């Protein structure tokens, strides 16, 4: 866990792949537990420490997680998320689509001036498999999923892509990119040919942007890439503007 931003109301950290944000049936130590220990030790707080989880990040994914240090901040951050006023940008290392591949997904538009392309699909979730499936059109129980993506750089075997979500569905990025012929490196569940050595998948919550719920100042925080040479090689080929995506709120 790396501290990216801290004040009296919020704590934004970079989660390592493999850490869980909140407790599950494994009983493993959580990111929230680590953050509480950090606050307790830094500020010499006795007893229980309040820390609210405002959103989640899949266990094999790395990057930005926003935690609330007060109940007021938690309530207001929840409102921001509910209104879609927290902008999250993800970077992913993906396999390039095979030659001649064309997207089957509805809403696969022509790229815009910055190279972003919109993908729209309908997702259903299989609870037993903990997996989502993409459909070309609406089917029973499906929820619409919309994202924009663009390719930031090309490598010998993999591409680096940027993703912006417009909806928040289960495994949305993983499922939609795989359905578009671009499975994320290491993501066996969604079509990657092999796993990453550490069990991670190469999906990183790179940047979060929002208006602070108490101070009303614009916040933009970027999480460093995982310590993997491939991330470094692919990111070295991008411009600073592409890599950090620090566009104005």
Protein backbone atom coordinates (compact mmCIF):
# COMPACT_ATOMS: atom_id res chain seq x y z
CA UNK A 1 0.00 0.00 0.00
CA UNK A 2 1.34 3.41 -1.04
CA UNK A 3 -0.16 6.68 0.20
CA UNK A 4 -1.03 8.97 -2.73
CA UNK A 5 -3.11 11.68 -1.02
CA UNK A 6 -4.08 12.43 2.55
CA UNK A 7 -5.99 15.08 4.48
CA UNK A 8 -8.37 15.14 7.44
CA UNK A 9 -11.22 13.70 5.36
CA UNK A 10 -9.76 11.40 2.70
CA UNK A 11 -6.99 8.88 2.22
CA UNK A 12 -6.17 7.78 -1.33
CA UNK A 13 -3.84 4.82 -1.65
CA UNK A 14 -2.34 2.70 -4.39
CA UNK A 15 -3.41 -0.89 -3.89
CA UNK A 16 -1.01 -3.66 -4.82
CA UNK A 17 -2.37 -6.47 -6.97
CA UNK A 18 -3.34 -9.33 -4.67
CA UNK A 19 -4.59 -7.15 -1.82
CA UNK A 20 -8.30 -7.20 -1.09
CA UNK A 21 -10.11 -3.94 -0.37
CA UNK A 22 -12.69 -5.42 2.01
CA UNK A 23 -12.95 -8.73 3.85
CA UNK A 24 -14.15 -11.86 2.11
CA UNK A 25 -14.43 -15.58 2.86
CA UNK A 26 -10.63 -15.98 2.73
CA UNK A 27 -10.25 -13.99 5.94
CA UNK A 28 -7.11 -12.37 4.54
CA UNK A 29 -5.89 -9.04 5.85
CA UNK A 30 -7.51 -6.20 3.89
CA UNK A 31 -6.41 -2.89 2.44
CA UNK A 32 -8.80 -1.18 4.87
CA UNK A 33 -7.05 -2.94 7.78
CA UNK A 34 -3.64 -1.76 6.56
CA UNK A 35 -4.89 1.81 6.14
CA UNK A 36 -6.40 1.84 9.65
CA UNK A 37 -3.09 0.66 11.10
CA UNK A 38 -1.30 3.41 9.19
CA UNK A 39 -3.62 6.11 10.60
CA UNK A 40 -3.47 4.64 14.12
CA UNK A 41 0.33 4.63 14.14
CA UNK A 42 0.87 8.00 12.42
CA UNK A 43 -1.57 9.94 14.56
CA UNK A 44 -1.23 7.86 17.75
CA UNK A 45 -4.95 7.15 17.82
CA UNK A 46 -6.10 4.77 20.58
CA UNK A 47 -8.88 2.30 20.02
CA UNK A 48 -10.93 1.98 16.85
CA UNK A 49 -10.13 4.05 13.76
CA UNK A 50 -12.96 5.08 11.42
CA UNK A 51 -12.26 4.40 7.75
CA UNK A 52 -14.95 4.05 5.10
CA UNK A 53 -14.48 2.24 1.79
CA UNK A 54 -16.00 4.31 -1.02
CA UNK A 55 -15.50 1.85 -3.87
CA UNK A 56 -13.85 -1.48 -4.62
CA UNK A 57 -11.13 -2.79 -6.89
CA UNK A 58 -10.84 -6.44 -7.92
CA UNK A 59 -8.18 -8.37 -6.00
CA UNK A 60 -5.82 -8.99 -8.98
CA UNK A 61 -6.04 -5.32 -10.06
CA UNK A 62 -3.71 -2.57 -8.82
CA UNK A 63 -4.08 1.19 -8.45
CA UNK A 64 -6.06 4.02 -6.85
CA UNK A 65 -8.52 3.38 -4.03
CA UNK A 66 -10.32 6.24 -2.23
CA UNK A 67 -10.98 5.79 1.50
CA UNK A 68 -12.92 8.16 3.76
CA UNK A 69 -11.56 9.19 7.15
CA UNK A 70 -14.85 10.69 8.41
CA UNK A 71 -18.50 9.71 8.15
CA UNK A 72 -19.23 13.05 6.47
CA UNK A 73 -16.62 12.40 3.79
CA UNK A 74 -17.91 8.85 3.29
CA UNK A 75 -21.50 10.02 2.79
CA UNK A 76 -20.47 12.76 0.38
CA UNK A 77 -18.10 10.52 -1.60
CA UNK A 78 -20.89 7.97 -1.92
CA UNK A 79 -23.06 10.73 -3.36
CA UNK A 80 -20.32 11.70 -5.84
CA UNK A 81 -20.02 8.10 -7.03
CA UNK A 82 -23.78 7.76 -7.28
CA UNK A 83 -23.99 10.88 -9.45
CA UNK A 84 -21.09 9.76 -11.63
CA UNK A 85 -18.90 12.67 -10.53
CA UNK A 86 -15.78 10.61 -9.82
CA UNK A 87 -13.75 10.07 -12.98
CA UNK A 88 -11.54 6.98 -13.00
CA UNK A 89 -9.04 6.17 -15.74
CA UNK A 90 -7.57 2.69 -16.07
CA UNK A 91 -4.52 1.50 -17.99
CA UNK A 92 -4.24 -2.08 -19.16
CA UNK A 93 -1.71 -4.23 -20.99
CA UNK A 94 -3.63 -6.21 -23.57
CA UNK A 95 -3.05 -8.63 -26.38
CA UNK A 96 -3.58 -6.89 -29.74
CA UNK A 97 -6.58 -8.08 -31.77
CA UNK A 98 -5.86 -10.69 -34.43
CA UNK A 99 -5.32 -9.49 -38.03
CA UNK A 100 -8.55 -8.52 -39.75
CA UNK A 101 -10.47 -8.40 -36.49
CA UNK A 102 -13.47 -6.07 -36.38
CA UNK A 103 -15.42 -5.32 -33.24
CA UNK A 104 -18.79 -7.05 -32.96
CA UNK A 105 -19.97 -4.92 -30.06
CA UNK A 106 -22.80 -2.51 -30.56
CA UNK A 107 -21.66 1.07 -30.31
CA UNK A 108 -18.10 0.44 -31.51
CA UNK A 109 -17.74 3.90 -33.02
CA UNK A 110 -15.08 5.43 -35.20
CA UNK A 111 -12.27 6.75 -32.96
CA UNK A 112 -12.51 10.43 -32.00
CA UNK A 113 -9.79 13.05 -32.50
CA UNK A 114 -7.83 11.65 -29.54
CA UNK A 115 -8.15 8.08 -30.75
CA UNK A 116 -10.81 7.04 -28.24
CA UNK A 117 -13.36 4.46 -29.30
CA UNK A 118 -16.62 3.72 -27.52
CA UNK A 119 -17.67 0.16 -26.75
CA UNK A 120 -21.23 -0.67 -25.75
CA UNK A 121 -22.38 -4.15 -24.80
CA UNK A 122 -24.91 -5.92 -22.61
CA UNK A 123 -23.43 -7.91 -19.72
CA UNK A 124 -24.85 -10.82 -17.79
CA UNK A 125 -23.21 -12.16 -14.64
CA UNK A 126 -22.72 -15.79 -13.63
CA UNK A 127 -22.48 -15.77 -9.84
CA UNK A 128 -21.12 -19.32 -9.53
CA UNK A 129 -18.31 -18.61 -11.98
CA UNK A 130 -17.82 -15.04 -10.74
CA UNK A 131 -17.69 -14.04 -14.39
CA UNK A 132 -19.52 -11.69 -16.75
CA UNK A 133 -20.49 -12.36 -20.35
CA UNK A 134 -20.88 -9.77 -23.12
CA UNK A 135 -23.81 -9.80 -25.55
CA UNK A 136 -24.35 -7.84 -28.75
CA UNK A 137 -27.89 -6.89 -27.80
CA UNK A 138 -30.08 -6.80 -24.73
CA UNK A 139 -31.00 -10.18 -23.28
CA UNK A 140 -32.85 -11.20 -20.14
CA UNK A 141 -31.06 -10.00 -17.03
CA UNK A 142 -28.39 -8.07 -18.95
CA UNK A 143 -27.17 -4.60 -18.00
CA UNK A 144 -25.80 -2.10 -20.49
CA UNK A 145 -22.05 -1.49 -20.22
CA UNK A 146 -20.32 1.50 -21.84
CA UNK A 147 -16.65 2.43 -21.91
CA UNK A 148 -14.21 4.44 -24.01
CA UNK A 149 -10.72 3.20 -24.77
CA UNK A 150 -7.70 4.18 -26.82
CA UNK A 151 -4.34 2.61 -27.55
CA UNK A 152 -1.45 4.51 -25.96
CA UNK A 153 1.46 2.43 -27.28
CA UNK A 154 2.34 -0.76 -29.12
CA UNK A 155 4.95 -3.31 -28.06
CA UNK A 156 6.27 -6.45 -29.69
CA UNK A 157 3.55 -8.64 -28.16
CA UNK A 158 1.28 -6.34 -26.16
CA UNK A 159 -0.41 -2.95 -26.35
CA UNK A 160 -0.97 -0.38 -23.60
CA UNK A 161 -4.54 0.95 -23.58
CA UNK A 162 -6.40 3.60 -21.58
CA UNK A 163 -9.99 2.97 -20.47
CA UNK A 164 -12.63 5.36 -19.16
CA UNK A 165 -15.79 3.86 -17.72
CA UNK A 166 -19.27 5.28 -18.23
CA UNK A 167 -20.95 2.49 -16.27
CA UNK A 168 -19.75 0.34 -13.38
CA UNK A 169 -20.55 -3.30 -14.12
CA UNK A 170 -19.04 -6.48 -12.70
CA UNK A 171 -15.67 -7.14 -14.41
CA UNK A 172 -16.71 -4.65 -17.09
CA UNK A 173 -13.28 -3.70 -18.41
CA UNK A 174 -12.03 -7.27 -18.37
CA UNK A 175 -15.12 -8.61 -20.10
CA UNK A 176 -15.56 -5.89 -22.71
CA UNK A 177 -11.92 -5.74 -23.78
CA UNK A 178 -11.82 -9.53 -24.09
CA UNK A 179 -15.02 -9.54 -26.15
CA UNK A 180 -13.42 -6.93 -28.41
CA UNK A 181 -10.44 -9.24 -29.05
CA UNK A 182 -8.10 -7.60 -26.51
CA UNK A 183 -7.85 -9.81 -23.38
CA UNK A 184 -5.84 -8.33 -20.53
CA UNK A 185 -2.43 -9.88 -19.92
CA UNK A 186 -2.64 -12.53 -17.19
CA UNK A 187 -6.45 -12.64 -17.12
CA UNK A 188 -7.08 -16.36 -17.65
CA UNK A 189 -10.76 -15.96 -16.80
CA UNK A 190 -11.26 -13.74 -19.85
CA UNK A 191 -9.09 -15.39 -22.45
CA UNK A 192 -5.44 -14.59 -21.70
CA UNK A 193 -3.26 -17.55 -22.77
CA UNK A 194 -1.16 -17.58 -19.58
CA UNK A 195 -1.16 -16.15 -16.07
CA UNK A 196 1.16 -13.54 -14.65
CA UNK A 197 3.79 -14.98 -12.27
CA UNK A 198 2.34 -13.15 -9.26
CA UNK A 199 -1.29 -13.99 -10.05
CA UNK A 200 -2.13 -10.41 -10.96
CA UNK A 201 -3.78 -9.19 -14.12
CA UNK A 202 -2.26 -6.23 -15.97
CA UNK A 203 -5.06 -3.78 -15.17
CA UNK A 204 -4.21 -0.65 -13.20
CA UNK A 205 -6.52 2.04 -11.80
CA UNK A 206 -4.21 4.83 -12.96
CA UNK A 207 -6.00 8.09 -12.13
CA UNK A 208 -8.93 9.40 -10.08
CA UNK A 209 -10.39 12.90 -10.47
CA UNK A 210 -13.18 14.55 -8.50
CA UNK A 211 -14.14 17.66 -6.56
CA UNK A 212 -13.24 17.22 -2.89
CA UNK A 213 -16.50 16.64 -0.99
CA UNK A 214 -15.56 18.99 1.87
CA UNK A 215 -13.01 21.54 0.61
CA UNK A 216 -14.52 21.59 -2.91
CA UNK A 217 -11.03 21.72 -4.41
CA UNK A 218 -10.31 19.68 -7.57
CA UNK A 219 -8.42 16.47 -6.79
CA UNK A 220 -6.43 14.53 -9.37
CA UNK A 221 -4.29 11.62 -8.16
CA UNK A 222 -2.19 9.22 -10.24
CA UNK A 223 -0.93 5.82 -9.06
CA UNK A 224 2.56 4.74 -10.21
CA UNK A 225 2.68 1.69 -12.44
CA UNK A 226 3.45 -1.71 -10.90
CA UNK A 227 7.13 -2.61 -10.67
CA UNK A 228 7.14 -4.63 -13.89
CA UNK A 229 9.54 -3.86 -16.76
CA UNK A 230 6.78 -4.34 -19.33
CA UNK A 231 4.71 -1.53 -17.80
CA UNK A 232 7.78 0.69 -17.96
CA UNK A 233 8.65 -0.17 -21.56
CA UNK A 234 5.13 0.43 -22.84
CA UNK A 235 4.62 3.62 -20.82
CA UNK A 236 7.95 5.02 -22.03
CA UNK A 237 6.45 5.16 -25.52
CA UNK A 238 3.59 7.43 -24.45
CA UNK A 239 3.61 11.20 -24.07
CA UNK A 240 3.28 12.63 -20.52
CA UNK A 241 -0.22 13.86 -21.40
CA UNK A 242 -1.30 10.39 -22.51
CA UNK A 243 0.32 8.56 -19.63
CA UNK A 244 -0.99 10.68 -16.78
CA UNK A 245 -4.33 11.78 -18.24
CA UNK A 246 -4.46 14.83 -16.01
CA UNK A 247 -7.11 16.65 -18.02
CA UNK A 248 -9.10 19.31 -16.21
CA UNK A 249 -12.16 18.35 -14.24
